[in-house]
PDB file of N, CA and C in Angstrom:
ATOM      1  N   MET A   1     -27.386   4.962   7.314  1.00  0.00           N
ATOM      2  CA  MET A   1     -26.133   4.826   7.704  1.00  0.00           C
ATOM      3  C   MET A   1     -25.825   3.430   7.893  1.00  0.00           C
ATOM      4  N   SER A   2     -24.586   3.058   7.193  1.00  0.00           N
ATOM      5  CA  SER A   2     -24.216   1.627   7.243  1.00  0.00           C
ATOM      6  C   SER A   2     -23.247   1.322   8.514  1.00  0.00           C
ATOM      7  N   THR A   3     -23.342  -0.027   8.835  1.00  0.00           N
ATOM      8  CA  THR A   3     -22.480  -0.430   9.934  1.00  0.00           C
ATOM      9  C   THR A   3     -21.198  -0.893   9.249  1.00  0.00           C
ATOM     10  N   ARG A   4     -19.992  -0.371   9.881  1.00  0.00           N
ATOM     11  CA  ARG A   4     -18.664  -0.752   9.412  1.00  0.00           C
ATOM     12  C   ARG A   4     -18.262  -1.925  10.385  1.00  0.00           C
ATOM     13  N   ILE A   5     -17.707  -3.040   9.547  1.00  0.00           N
ATOM     14  CA  ILE A   5     -17.095  -3.982  10.451  1.00  0.00           C
ATOM     15  C   ILE A   5     -15.744  -3.770  10.786  1.00  0.00           C
ATOM     16  N   LYS A   6     -15.146  -4.632  11.709  1.00  0.00           N
ATOM     17  CA  LYS A   6     -13.783  -4.321  12.191  1.00  0.00           C
ATOM     18  C   LYS A   6     -12.927  -5.020  11.184  1.00  0.00           C
ATOM     19  N   ILE A   7     -11.960  -4.272  10.742  1.00  0.00           N
ATOM     20  CA  ILE A   7     -10.809  -4.772   9.981  1.00  0.00           C
ATOM     21  C   ILE A   7      -9.518  -4.326  10.626  1.00  0.00           C
ATOM     22  N   ALA A   8      -8.495  -5.192  10.805  1.00  0.00           N
ATOM     23  CA  ALA A   8      -7.329  -4.849  11.417  1.00  0.00           C
ATOM     24  C   ALA A   8      -6.256  -5.256  10.652  1.00  0.00           C
ATOM     25  N   GLY A   9      -5.033  -4.757  11.077  1.00  0.00           N
ATOM     26  CA  GLY A   9      -3.748  -5.156  10.353  1.00  0.00           C
ATOM     27  C   GLY A   9      -3.421  -6.489  10.865  1.00  0.00           C
ATOM     28  N   GLY A  10      -2.979  -7.411   9.964  1.00  0.00           N
ATOM     29  CA  GLY A  10      -2.588  -8.728  10.267  1.00  0.00           C
ATOM     30  C   GLY A  10      -1.095  -8.807  10.617  1.00  0.00           C
ATOM     31  N   ARG A  11      -0.671  -9.909  10.916  1.00  0.00           N
ATOM     32  CA  ARG A  11       0.864 -10.020  11.300  1.00  0.00           C
ATOM     33  C   ARG A  11       1.779 -10.358  10.120  1.00  0.00           C
ATOM     34  N   ASN A  12       1.301 -10.740   9.021  1.00  0.00           N
ATOM     35  CA  ASN A  12       2.119 -11.306   7.975  1.00  0.00           C
ATOM     36  C   ASN A  12       2.450  -9.994   6.945  1.00  0.00           C
ATOM     37  N   ILE A  13       3.817 -10.011   6.695  1.00  0.00           N
ATOM     38  CA  ILE A  13       4.357  -9.123   5.691  1.00  0.00           C
ATOM     39  C   ILE A  13       5.041  -9.906   4.697  1.00  0.00           C
ATOM     40  N   ALA A  14       4.548  -9.854   3.429  1.00  0.00           N
ATOM     41  CA  ALA A  14       5.348 -10.487   2.386  1.00  0.00           C
ATOM     42  C   ALA A  14       6.167  -9.437   1.529  1.00  0.00           C
ATOM     43  N   MET A  15       7.538  -9.956   1.373  1.00  0.00           N
ATOM     44  CA  MET A  15       8.320  -9.173   0.459  1.00  0.00           C
ATOM     45  C   MET A  15       8.575 -10.038  -0.704  1.00  0.00           C
ATOM     46  N   LYS A  16       7.966  -9.546  -1.938  1.00  0.00           N
ATOM     47  CA  LYS A  16       8.091 -10.281  -3.188  1.00  0.00           C
ATOM     48  C   LYS A  16       9.429  -9.733  -3.886  1.00  0.00           C
ATOM     49  N   VAL A  17      10.283 -10.768  -4.125  1.00  0.00           N
ATOM     50  CA  VAL A  17      11.658 -10.337  -4.566  1.00  0.00           C
ATOM     51  C   VAL A  17      12.103 -11.119  -5.899  1.00  0.00           C
ATOM     52  N   PRO A  18      12.542 -10.331  -6.747  1.00  0.00           N
ATOM     53  CA  PRO A  18      12.978 -10.982  -8.028  1.00  0.00           C
ATOM     54  C   PRO A  18      14.184 -11.828  -7.786  1.00  0.00           C
ATOM     55  N   PRO A  19      14.242 -12.888  -8.691  1.00  0.00           N
ATOM     56  CA  PRO A  19      15.244 -13.975  -8.601  1.00  0.00           C
ATOM     57  C   PRO A  19      16.633 -13.441  -8.368  1.00  0.00           C
ATOM     58  N   HIS A  20      16.958 -12.460  -8.976  1.00  0.00           N
ATOM     59  CA  HIS A  20      18.373 -11.944  -9.006  1.00  0.00           C
ATOM     60  C   HIS A  20      18.797 -11.321  -7.604  1.00  0.00           C
ATOM     61  N   LEU A  21      17.709 -10.978  -6.866  1.00  0.00           N
ATOM     62  CA  LEU A  21      18.034 -10.380  -5.519  1.00  0.00           C
ATOM     63  C   LEU A  21      17.671 -11.287  -4.311  1.00  0.00           C
ATOM     64  N   TYR A  22      16.972 -12.505  -4.717  1.00  0.00           N
ATOM     65  CA  TYR A  22      16.341 -13.262  -3.553  1.00  0.00           C
ATOM     66  C   TYR A  22      17.575 -13.764  -2.669  1.00  0.00           C
ATOM     67  N   GLU A  23      18.411 -14.519  -2.999  1.00  0.00           N
ATOM     68  CA  GLU A  23      19.332 -15.157  -1.987  1.00  0.00           C
ATOM     69  C   GLU A  23      20.004 -14.054  -1.224  1.00  0.00           C
ATOM     70  N   ALA A  24      20.503 -12.931  -1.725  1.00  0.00           N
ATOM     71  CA  ALA A  24      20.972 -11.906  -1.034  1.00  0.00           C
ATOM     72  C   ALA A  24      20.146 -11.253   0.065  1.00  0.00           C
ATOM     73  N   THR A  25      18.850 -11.285  -0.360  1.00  0.00           N
ATOM     74  CA  THR A  25      17.767 -10.786   0.510  1.00  0.00           C
ATOM     75  C   THR A  25      17.585 -11.637   1.740  1.00  0.00           C
ATOM     76  N   VAL A  26      17.581 -12.849   1.465  1.00  0.00           N
ATOM     77  CA  VAL A  26      17.365 -13.988   2.515  1.00  0.00           C
ATOM     78  C   VAL A  26      18.717 -13.853   3.484  1.00  0.00           C
ATOM     79  N   ARG A  27      19.844 -13.765   2.939  1.00  0.00           N
ATOM     80  CA  ARG A  27      21.095 -13.706   3.661  1.00  0.00           C
ATOM     81  C   ARG A  27      21.021 -12.301   4.485  1.00  0.00           C
ATOM     82  N   PHE A  28      20.625 -11.232   3.837  1.00  0.00           N
ATOM     83  CA  PHE A  28      20.471  -9.956   4.712  1.00  0.00           C
ATOM     84  C   PHE A  28      19.822 -10.090   6.001  1.00  0.00           C
ATOM     85  N   TYR A  29      18.485 -10.649   5.845  1.00  0.00           N
ATOM     86  CA  TYR A  29      17.770 -10.766   6.924  1.00  0.00           C
ATOM     87  C   TYR A  29      18.272 -11.751   7.938  1.00  0.00           C
ATOM     88  N   ARG A  30      18.853 -12.935   7.429  1.00  0.00           N
ATOM     89  CA  ARG A  30      19.241 -13.989   8.364  1.00  0.00           C
ATOM     90  C   ARG A  30      20.606 -13.801   9.096  1.00  0.00           C
ATOM     91  N   ASP A  31      21.545 -13.379   8.136  1.00  0.00           N
ATOM     92  CA  ASP A  31      22.946 -13.120   8.611  1.00  0.00           C
ATOM     93  C   ASP A  31      23.372 -11.754   9.047  1.00  0.00           C
ATOM     94  N   VAL A  32      22.753 -10.718   8.330  1.00  0.00           N
ATOM     95  CA  VAL A  32      23.193  -9.476   8.837  1.00  0.00           C
ATOM     96  C   VAL A  32      22.309  -8.866   9.785  1.00  0.00           C
ATOM     97  N   VAL A  33      21.038  -8.835   9.714  1.00  0.00           N
ATOM     98  CA  VAL A  33      20.115  -8.332  10.570  1.00  0.00           C
ATOM     99  C   VAL A  33      19.895  -9.362  11.885  1.00  0.00           C
ATOM    100  N   GLY A  34      20.074 -10.686  11.550  1.00  0.00           N
ATOM    101  CA  GLY A  34      20.096 -11.661  12.551  1.00  0.00           C
ATOM    102  C   GLY A  34      18.585 -12.036  12.950  1.00  0.00           C
ATOM    103  N   LEU A  35      17.649 -11.982  12.100  1.00  0.00           N
ATOM    104  CA  LEU A  35      16.334 -12.395  12.497  1.00  0.00           C
ATOM    105  C   LEU A  35      16.133 -13.794  12.563  1.00  0.00           C
ATOM    106  N   LYS A  36      15.306 -14.247  13.617  1.00  0.00           N
ATOM    107  CA  LYS A  36      15.078 -15.688  13.672  1.00  0.00           C
ATOM    108  C   LYS A  36      14.304 -16.363  12.544  1.00  0.00           C
ATOM    109  N   PRO A  37      14.747 -17.360  11.882  1.00  0.00           N
ATOM    110  CA  PRO A  37      13.980 -18.002  10.845  1.00  0.00           C
ATOM    111  C   PRO A  37      12.652 -18.629  11.351  1.00  0.00           C
ATOM    112  N   LEU A  38      11.726 -18.697  10.502  1.00  0.00           N
ATOM    113  CA  LEU A  38      10.445 -19.422  10.877  1.00  0.00           C
ATOM    114  C   LEU A  38      10.497 -20.656   9.947  1.00  0.00           C
ATOM    115  N   ASP A  39       9.980 -21.704  10.577  1.00  0.00           N
ATOM    116  CA  ASP A  39      10.051 -23.008   9.791  1.00  0.00           C
ATOM    117  C   ASP A  39       8.613 -23.807   9.740  1.00  0.00           C
ATOM    118  N   ASN A  40       7.677 -22.768   9.820  1.00  0.00           N
ATOM    119  CA  ASN A  40       6.191 -23.412   9.860  1.00  0.00           C
ATOM    120  C   ASN A  40       5.572 -23.508   8.521  1.00  0.00           C
ATOM    121  N   HIS A  41       6.168 -22.956   7.282  1.00  0.00           N
ATOM    122  CA  HIS A  41       5.654 -23.041   6.112  1.00  0.00           C
ATOM    123  C   HIS A  41       6.488 -23.389   4.975  1.00  0.00           C
ATOM    124  N   PRO A  42       7.254 -24.511   5.180  1.00  0.00           N
ATOM    125  CA  PRO A  42       8.315 -24.815   4.090  1.00  0.00           C
ATOM    126  C   PRO A  42       7.586 -25.000   2.855  1.00  0.00           C
ATOM    127  N   PRO A  43       8.288 -24.678   1.761  1.00  0.00           N
ATOM    128  CA  PRO A  43       9.550 -24.142   1.526  1.00  0.00           C
ATOM    129  C   PRO A  43       9.635 -22.693   1.678  1.00  0.00           C
ATOM    130  N   ALA A  44       8.682 -22.063   1.964  1.00  0.00           N
ATOM    131  CA  ALA A  44       8.531 -20.549   2.235  1.00  0.00           C
ATOM    132  C   ALA A  44       9.703 -20.225   3.230  1.00  0.00           C
ATOM    133  N   VAL A  45      10.367 -19.023   2.883  1.00  0.00           N
ATOM    134  CA  VAL A  45      11.403 -18.444   3.847  1.00  0.00           C
ATOM    135  C   VAL A  45      10.792 -17.329   4.630  1.00  0.00           C
ATOM    136  N   GLY A  46      10.712 -17.395   5.895  1.00  0.00           N
ATOM    137  CA  GLY A  46      10.276 -16.326   6.770  1.00  0.00           C
ATOM    138  C   GLY A  46      11.052 -16.161   7.851  1.00  0.00           C
ATOM    139  N   PHE A  47      10.723 -14.914   8.640  1.00  0.00           N
ATOM    140  CA  PHE A  47      11.625 -14.477   9.844  1.00  0.00           C
ATOM    141  C   PHE A  47      10.774 -13.875  10.717  1.00  0.00           C
ATOM    142  N   GLU A  48      10.891 -14.060  11.970  1.00  0.00           N
ATOM    143  CA  GLU A  48      10.238 -13.341  13.068  1.00  0.00           C
ATOM    144  C   GLU A  48      10.657 -11.742  12.842  1.00  0.00           C
ATOM    145  N   PHE A  49       9.624 -10.945  12.951  1.00  0.00           N
ATOM    146  CA  PHE A  49       9.826  -9.544  12.613  1.00  0.00           C
ATOM    147  C   PHE A  49       9.193  -8.744  13.582  1.00  0.00           C
ATOM    148  N   GLY A  50       9.626  -8.690  14.856  1.00  0.00           N
ATOM    149  CA  GLY A  50       8.975  -8.197  15.940  1.00  0.00           C
ATOM    150  C   GLY A  50       7.603  -9.039  16.169  1.00  0.00           C
ATOM    151  N   ALA A  51       6.534  -8.339  16.301  1.00  0.00           N
ATOM    152  CA  ALA A  51       5.237  -9.028  16.493  1.00  0.00           C
ATOM    153  C   ALA A  51       4.777  -9.661  15.226  1.00  0.00           C
ATOM    154  N   ASN A  52       5.399  -9.282  14.097  1.00  0.00           N
ATOM    155  CA  ASN A  52       4.938  -9.835  12.781  1.00  0.00           C
ATOM    156  C   ASN A  52       5.803 -11.000  12.204  1.00  0.00           C
ATOM    157  N   GLN A  53       5.370 -11.445  11.092  1.00  0.00           N
ATOM    158  CA  GLN A  53       6.349 -12.484  10.304  1.00  0.00           C
ATOM    159  C   GLN A  53       6.497 -11.827   9.022  1.00  0.00           C
ATOM    160  N   LEU A  54       7.770 -11.908   8.659  1.00  0.00           N
ATOM    161  CA  LEU A  54       8.286 -11.299   7.369  1.00  0.00           C
ATOM    162  C   LEU A  54       8.553 -12.484   6.400  1.00  0.00           C
ATOM    163  N   TRP A  55       7.808 -12.635   5.332  1.00  0.00           N
ATOM    164  CA  TRP A  55       8.119 -13.829   4.309  1.00  0.00           C
ATOM    165  C   TRP A  55       8.778 -13.118   3.146  1.00  0.00           C
ATOM    166  N   ILE A  56       9.860 -13.898   2.648  1.00  0.00           N
ATOM    167  CA  ILE A  56      10.491 -13.586   1.523  1.00  0.00           C
ATOM    168  C   ILE A  56      10.249 -14.438   0.445  1.00  0.00           C
ATOM    169  N   ASP A  57       9.450 -13.930  -0.590  1.00  0.00           N
ATOM    170  CA  ASP A  57       8.996 -14.823  -1.810  1.00  0.00           C
ATOM    171  C   ASP A  57       9.899 -14.488  -3.084  1.00  0.00           C
ATOM    172  N   ARG A  58      10.321 -15.482  -3.693  1.00  0.00           N
ATOM    173  CA  ARG A  58      10.977 -15.284  -4.866  1.00  0.00           C
ATOM    174  C   ARG A  58       9.835 -15.375  -6.076  1.00  0.00           C
ATOM    175  N   VAL A  59       9.922 -14.266  -6.751  1.00  0.00           N
ATOM    176  CA  VAL A  59       8.860 -14.164  -7.838  1.00  0.00           C
ATOM    177  C   VAL A  59       9.505 -13.829  -9.191  1.00  0.00           C
ATOM    178  N   GLU A  60       9.384 -14.801 -10.159  1.00  0.00           N
ATOM    179  CA  GLU A  60      10.058 -14.804 -11.527  1.00  0.00           C
ATOM    180  C   GLU A  60       9.884 -13.473 -12.141  1.00  0.00           C
ATOM    181  N   ALA A  61       8.656 -13.029 -12.270  1.00  0.00           N
ATOM    182  CA  ALA A  61       8.331 -11.868 -13.233  1.00  0.00           C
ATOM    183  C   ALA A  61       8.485 -10.470 -12.711  1.00  0.00           C
ATOM    184  N   LEU A  62       9.189 -10.287 -11.562  1.00  0.00           N
ATOM    185  CA  LEU A  62       9.467  -8.906 -10.975  1.00  0.00           C
ATOM    186  C   LEU A  62      10.775  -8.476 -11.524  1.00  0.00           C
ATOM    187  N   SER A  63      10.922  -7.115 -11.373  1.00  0.00           N
ATOM    188  CA  SER A  63      12.235  -6.542 -11.750  1.00  0.00           C
ATOM    189  C   SER A  63      12.625  -5.757 -10.363  1.00  0.00           C
ATOM    190  N   GLN A  64      11.768  -5.531  -9.530  1.00  0.00           N
ATOM    191  CA  GLN A  64      12.194  -4.917  -8.218  1.00  0.00           C
ATOM    192  C   GLN A  64      11.231  -5.420  -7.221  1.00  0.00           C
ATOM    193  N   ALA A  65      11.614  -5.389  -5.874  1.00  0.00           N
ATOM    194  CA  ALA A  65      10.936  -5.857  -4.789  1.00  0.00           C
ATOM    195  C   ALA A  65       9.632  -5.127  -4.594  1.00  0.00           C
ATOM    196  N   GLU A  66       8.579  -5.840  -3.943  1.00  0.00           N
ATOM    197  CA  GLU A  66       7.230  -5.341  -3.669  1.00  0.00           C
ATOM    198  C   GLU A  66       6.930  -5.658  -2.166  1.00  0.00           C
ATOM    199  N   ILE A  67       6.296  -4.904  -1.467  1.00  0.00           N
ATOM    200  CA  ILE A  67       5.866  -5.368  -0.168  1.00  0.00           C
ATOM    201  C   ILE A  67       4.253  -5.567  -0.250  1.00  0.00           C
ATOM    202  N   TRP A  68       3.833  -6.754   0.393  1.00  0.00           N
ATOM    203  CA  TRP A  68       2.411  -7.037   0.349  1.00  0.00           C
ATOM    204  C   TRP A  68       1.996  -7.148   1.794  1.00  0.00           C
ATOM    205  N   LEU A  69       0.765  -6.649   2.280  1.00  0.00           N
ATOM    206  CA  LEU A  69       0.393  -6.585   3.676  1.00  0.00           C
ATOM    207  C   LEU A  69      -0.936  -7.468   3.843  1.00  0.00           C
ATOM    208  N   GLU A  70      -1.217  -7.674   5.112  1.00  0.00           N
ATOM    209  CA  GLU A  70      -2.431  -8.517   5.466  1.00  0.00           C
ATOM    210  C   GLU A  70      -3.174  -7.653   6.254  1.00  0.00           C
ATOM    211  N   VAL A  71      -4.494  -7.729   6.043  1.00  0.00           N
ATOM    212  CA  VAL A  71      -5.578  -7.225   6.993  1.00  0.00           C
ATOM    213  C   VAL A  71      -6.501  -8.253   7.234  1.00  0.00           C
ATOM    214  N   VAL A  72      -7.028  -8.326   8.444  1.00  0.00           N
ATOM    215  CA  VAL A  72      -7.947  -9.510   9.056  1.00  0.00           C
ATOM    216  C   VAL A  72      -9.190  -8.985   9.339  1.00  0.00           C
ATOM    217  N   THR A  73     -10.162  -9.848   9.254  1.00  0.00           N
ATOM    218  CA  THR A  73     -11.466  -9.590   9.816  1.00  0.00           C
ATOM    219  C   THR A  73     -12.256 -10.986  10.140  1.00  0.00           C
ATOM    220  N   GLU A  74     -13.058 -10.835  11.068  1.00  0.00           N
ATOM    221  CA  GLU A  74     -13.940 -12.116  11.320  1.00  0.00           C
ATOM    222  C   GLU A  74     -15.145 -12.360  10.267  1.00  0.00           C
ATOM    223  N   ASP A  75     -15.363 -11.348   9.445  1.00  0.00           N
ATOM    224  CA  ASP A  75     -16.491 -11.371   8.450  1.00  0.00           C
ATOM    225  C   ASP A  75     -15.977 -11.013   7.123  1.00  0.00           C
ATOM    226  N   VAL A  76     -15.358 -12.006   6.476  1.00  0.00           N
ATOM    227  CA  VAL A  76     -14.805 -11.787   5.169  1.00  0.00           C
ATOM    228  C   VAL A  76     -15.777 -11.418   4.060  1.00  0.00           C
ATOM    229  N   PRO A  77     -16.924 -11.873   4.047  1.00  0.00           N
ATOM    230  CA  PRO A  77     -18.023 -11.449   3.016  1.00  0.00           C
ATOM    231  C   PRO A  77     -18.470 -10.030   3.071  1.00  0.00           C
ATOM    232  N   THR A  78     -18.528  -9.559   4.413  1.00  0.00           N
ATOM    233  CA  THR A  78     -19.028  -8.248   4.622  1.00  0.00           C
ATOM    234  C   THR A  78     -17.919  -7.202   4.452  1.00  0.00           C
ATOM    235  N   ALA A  79     -16.709  -7.712   4.698  1.00  0.00           N
ATOM    236  CA  ALA A  79     -15.595  -6.953   4.352  1.00  0.00           C
ATOM    237  C   ALA A  79     -15.426  -6.600   2.776  1.00  0.00           C
ATOM    238  N   ALA A  80     -15.597  -7.714   2.050  1.00  0.00           N
ATOM    239  CA  ALA A  80     -15.666  -7.641   0.753  1.00  0.00           C
ATOM    240  C   ALA A  80     -16.538  -6.623   0.063  1.00  0.00           C
ATOM    241  N   LYS A  81     -17.807  -6.481   0.795  1.00  0.00           N
ATOM    242  CA  LYS A  81     -18.785  -5.612   0.242  1.00  0.00           C
ATOM    243  C   LYS A  81     -18.346  -4.179   0.714  1.00  0.00           C
ATOM    244  N   GLN A  82     -17.806  -4.007   1.928  1.00  0.00           N
ATOM    245  CA  GLN A  82     -17.292  -2.795   2.380  1.00  0.00           C
ATOM    246  C   GLN A  82     -16.201  -2.157   1.475  1.00  0.00           C
ATOM    247  N   PHE A  83     -15.314  -3.002   1.244  1.00  0.00           N
ATOM    248  CA  PHE A  83     -14.262  -2.505   0.194  1.00  0.00           C
ATOM    249  C   PHE A  83     -14.797  -2.204  -1.252  1.00  0.00           C
ATOM    250  N   GLU A  84     -15.671  -3.002  -1.622  1.00  0.00           N
ATOM    251  CA  GLU A  84     -16.347  -2.795  -2.931  1.00  0.00           C
ATOM    252  C   GLU A  84     -17.006  -1.312  -2.997  1.00  0.00           C
ATOM    253  N   SER A  85     -17.841  -1.161  -1.803  1.00  0.00           N
ATOM    254  CA  SER A  85     -18.587   0.103  -1.821  1.00  0.00           C
ATOM    255  C   SER A  85     -17.727   1.264  -1.863  1.00  0.00           C
ATOM    256  N   ALA A  86     -16.454   0.941  -1.216  1.00  0.00           N
ATOM    257  CA  ALA A  86     -15.386   2.238  -1.335  1.00  0.00           C
ATOM    258  C   ALA A  86     -14.760   2.464  -2.440  1.00  0.00           C
ATOM    259  N   GLY A  87     -14.951   1.519  -3.480  1.00  0.00           N
ATOM    260  CA  GLY A  87     -14.358   1.567  -4.791  1.00  0.00           C
ATOM    261  C   GLY A  87     -12.958   1.035  -4.702  1.00  0.00           C
ATOM    262  N   THR A  88     -12.673   0.150  -3.761  1.00  0.00           N
ATOM    263  CA  THR A  88     -11.393  -0.559  -3.691  1.00  0.00           C
ATOM    264  C   THR A  88     -11.159  -1.579  -4.907  1.00  0.00           C
ATOM    265  N   VAL A  89     -10.015  -1.464  -5.435  1.00  0.00           N
ATOM    266  CA  VAL A  89      -9.738  -2.461  -6.530  1.00  0.00           C
ATOM    267  C   VAL A  89      -9.444  -3.849  -5.849  1.00  0.00           C
ATOM    268  N   ARG A  90     -10.250  -4.965  -6.361  1.00  0.00           N
ATOM    269  CA  ARG A  90      -9.996  -6.248  -6.087  1.00  0.00           C
ATOM    270  C   ARG A  90      -9.239  -6.957  -7.088  1.00  0.00           C
ATOM    271  N   CYS A  91      -8.195  -7.802  -6.649  1.00  0.00           N
ATOM    272  CA  CYS A  91      -7.327  -8.349  -7.596  1.00  0.00           C
ATOM    273  C   CYS A  91      -6.917  -9.778  -7.379  1.00  0.00           C
ATOM    274  N   ASP A  92      -7.927 -10.577  -7.202  1.00  0.00           N
ATOM    275  CA  ASP A  92      -7.901 -11.973  -6.948  1.00  0.00           C
ATOM    276  C   ASP A  92      -6.916 -12.677  -7.784  1.00  0.00           C
ATOM    277  N   GLU A  93      -6.746 -12.129  -9.078  1.00  0.00           N
ATOM    278  CA  GLU A  93      -5.868 -12.926 -10.012  1.00  0.00           C
ATOM    279  C   GLU A  93      -4.279 -12.811  -9.697  1.00  0.00           C
ATOM    280  N   ILE A  94      -3.974 -11.967  -8.796  1.00  0.00           N
ATOM    281  CA  ILE A  94      -2.569 -11.606  -8.440  1.00  0.00           C
ATOM    282  C   ILE A  94      -1.795 -12.804  -7.941  1.00  0.00           C
ATOM    283  N   GLU A  95      -2.540 -13.765  -7.194  1.00  0.00           N
ATOM    284  CA  GLU A  95      -1.879 -14.878  -6.593  1.00  0.00           C
ATOM    285  C   GLU A  95      -2.973 -15.943  -6.175  1.00  0.00           C
ATOM    286  N   PRO A  96      -2.889 -17.125  -6.696  1.00  0.00           N
ATOM    287  CA  PRO A  96      -3.997 -18.037  -6.252  1.00  0.00           C
ATOM    288  C   PRO A  96      -3.995 -18.293  -4.739  1.00  0.00           C
ATOM    289  N   LEU A  97      -5.102 -18.473  -4.058  1.00  0.00           N
ATOM    290  CA  LEU A  97      -5.307 -18.818  -2.719  1.00  0.00           C
ATOM    291  C   LEU A  97      -5.830 -20.184  -2.712  1.00  0.00           C
ATOM    292  N   PRO A  98      -5.516 -20.986  -1.656  1.00  0.00           N
ATOM    293  CA  PRO A  98      -5.990 -22.300  -1.469  1.00  0.00           C
ATOM    294  C   PRO A  98      -7.525 -22.432  -1.687  1.00  0.00           C
ATOM    295  N   GLU A  99      -8.002 -23.603  -2.047  1.00  0.00           N
ATOM    296  CA  GLU A  99      -9.422 -23.873  -2.353  1.00  0.00           C
ATOM    297  C   GLU A  99     -10.296 -23.452  -1.129  1.00  0.00           C
ATOM    298  N   ASP A 100      -9.926 -23.963  -0.065  1.00  0.00           N
ATOM    299  CA  ASP A 100     -10.881 -23.694   1.138  1.00  0.00           C
ATOM    300  C   ASP A 100     -10.454 -22.430   1.897  1.00  0.00           C
ATOM    301  N   PHE A 101      -9.713 -21.579   1.273  1.00  0.00           N
ATOM    302  CA  PHE A 101      -9.363 -20.214   1.956  1.00  0.00           C
ATOM    303  C   PHE A 101     -10.324 -19.244   1.886  1.00  0.00           C
ATOM    304  N   GLU A 102     -10.765 -18.531   2.881  1.00  0.00           N
ATOM    305  CA  GLU A 102     -11.712 -17.587   2.960  1.00  0.00           C
ATOM    306  C   GLU A 102     -11.031 -16.288   2.876  1.00  0.00           C
ATOM    307  N   GLY A 103     -10.878 -15.659   1.825  1.00  0.00           N
ATOM    308  CA  GLY A 103     -10.185 -14.380   1.635  1.00  0.00           C
ATOM    309  C   GLY A 103     -10.067 -13.972   0.305  1.00  0.00           C
ATOM    310  N   PHE A 104      -9.459 -12.845   0.036  1.00  0.00           N
ATOM    311  CA  PHE A 104      -9.191 -12.199  -1.302  1.00  0.00           C
ATOM    312  C   PHE A 104      -8.263 -11.174  -1.215  1.00  0.00           C
ATOM    313  N   TRP A 105      -7.893 -10.756  -2.433  1.00  0.00           N
ATOM    314  CA  TRP A 105      -6.778  -9.815  -2.663  1.00  0.00           C
ATOM    315  C   TRP A 105      -7.284  -8.515  -3.093  1.00  0.00           C
ATOM    316  N   ILE A 106      -6.806  -7.389  -2.484  1.00  0.00           N
ATOM    317  CA  ILE A 106      -7.087  -6.037  -2.840  1.00  0.00           C
ATOM    318  C   ILE A 106      -5.788  -5.148  -3.215  1.00  0.00           C
ATOM    319  N   SER A 107      -6.028  -4.090  -3.783  1.00  0.00           N
ATOM    320  CA  SER A 107      -4.892  -3.176  -3.989  1.00  0.00           C
ATOM    321  C   SER A 107      -5.392  -1.782  -3.264  1.00  0.00           C
ATOM    322  N   ASN A 108      -4.382  -1.077  -2.525  1.00  0.00           N
ATOM    323  CA  ASN A 108      -4.891   0.246  -2.138  1.00  0.00           C
ATOM    324  C   ASN A 108      -4.440   1.320  -3.180  1.00  0.00           C
ATOM    325  N   PRO A 109      -4.897   2.524  -2.971  1.00  0.00           N
ATOM    326  CA  PRO A 109      -4.623   3.600  -4.021  1.00  0.00           C
ATOM    327  C   PRO A 109      -3.164   3.675  -4.435  1.00  0.00           C
ATOM    328  N   ALA A 110      -2.328   3.342  -3.515  1.00  0.00           N
ATOM    329  CA  ALA A 110      -0.712   3.443  -3.963  1.00  0.00           C
ATOM    330  C   ALA A 110      -0.356   2.049  -4.617  1.00  0.00           C
ATOM    331  N   SER A 111      -1.335   1.181  -4.925  1.00  0.00           N
ATOM    332  CA  SER A 111      -0.878   0.039  -5.680  1.00  0.00           C
ATOM    333  C   SER A 111      -0.181  -1.031  -4.734  1.00  0.00           C
ATOM    334  N   ILE A 112      -0.370  -0.930  -3.418  1.00  0.00           N
ATOM    335  CA  ILE A 112       0.176  -1.802  -2.515  1.00  0.00           C
ATOM    336  C   ILE A 112      -0.869  -3.077  -2.219  1.00  0.00           C
ATOM    337  N   ILE A 113      -0.377  -4.368  -2.492  1.00  0.00           N
ATOM    338  CA  ILE A 113      -1.355  -5.452  -2.422  1.00  0.00           C
ATOM    339  C   ILE A 113      -1.577  -5.860  -1.133  1.00  0.00           C
ATOM    340  N   HIS A 114      -2.892  -6.151  -0.772  1.00  0.00           N
ATOM    341  CA  HIS A 114      -3.267  -6.616   0.698  1.00  0.00           C
ATOM    342  C   HIS A 114      -4.082  -7.925   0.568  1.00  0.00           C
ATOM    343  N   ILE A 115      -3.755  -8.963   1.329  1.00  0.00           N
ATOM    344  CA  ILE A 115      -4.692 -10.081   1.542  1.00  0.00           C
ATOM    345  C   ILE A 115      -5.604  -9.723   2.620  1.00  0.00           C
ATOM    346  N   VAL A 116      -6.891  -9.957   2.383  1.00  0.00           N
ATOM    347  CA  VAL A 116      -8.012  -9.738   3.298  1.00  0.00           C
ATOM    348  C   VAL A 116      -8.413 -11.152   3.748  1.00  0.00           C
ATOM    349  N   SER A 117      -8.263 -11.499   5.041  1.00  0.00           N
ATOM    350  CA  SER A 117      -8.603 -12.966   5.418  1.00  0.00           C
ATOM    351  C   SER A 117      -9.021 -12.936   6.970  1.00  0.00           C
ATOM    352  N   LYS A 118      -9.465 -14.145   7.364  1.00  0.00           N
ATOM    353  CA  LYS A 118      -9.694 -14.311   8.785  1.00  0.00           C
ATOM    354  C   LYS A 118      -8.426 -14.381   9.566  1.00  0.00           C
ATOM    355  N   PRO A 119      -8.382 -13.972  10.803  1.00  0.00           N
ATOM    356  CA  PRO A 119      -7.144 -14.007  11.580  1.00  0.00           C
ATOM    357  C   PRO A 119      -6.526 -15.441  11.587  1.00  0.00           C
ATOM    358  N   GLY A 120      -5.353 -15.599  11.541  1.00  0.00           N
ATOM    359  CA  GLY A 120      -4.705 -16.770  11.595  1.00  0.00           C
ATOM    360  C   GLY A 120      -4.884 -17.824  10.538  1.00  0.00           C
ATOM    361  N   GLN A 121      -5.512 -17.332   9.389  1.00  0.00           N
ATOM    362  CA  GLN A 121      -5.739 -18.306   8.240  1.00  0.00           C
ATOM    363  C   GLN A 121      -4.555 -18.376   7.292  1.00  0.00           C
ATOM    364  N   TYR A 122      -3.641 -17.385   7.320  1.00  0.00           N
ATOM    365  CA  TYR A 122      -2.685 -17.296   6.278  1.00  0.00           C
ATOM    366  C   TYR A 122      -1.320 -17.201   7.066  1.00  0.00           C
TER     367      TYR A 122
END
C-alpha cells in the first residue's frame, strides 16, 4: 500500500486566449464584470476572481480559448511520481517555466492543462 501525498487546488486560473479575442476578453472582465485588476505580475493581465486569481494570457497559436488550472503540493517530486504511477500525461513542453521553478505541467484525461507546483510559487 502506497502513501499518497496531499495535492490541493491552487488559486491561479489561466485563460489562454487567441489574439483576435484578447482585448475584448480583458475588457469583459475589467469593464463589464468589474473585476479588480491585479498588478503583481506585469505585463500579465490578471484579476481578483473570488478567492482565486484569473490570468488572461494572449497566445498566438490558439484558435479558441483554453482554461489552465493549478494544483499545489509541498512535495513536488513525490507528486510527480504519484501522477506518473497513475498514468497521467506530463507535458512540460507546453510552456517554459523559470529555471529555479519547482514544478511541472500535466494534462488531465479531458486535456485540461494543470501546473503542479509548491503553494505560492506561481
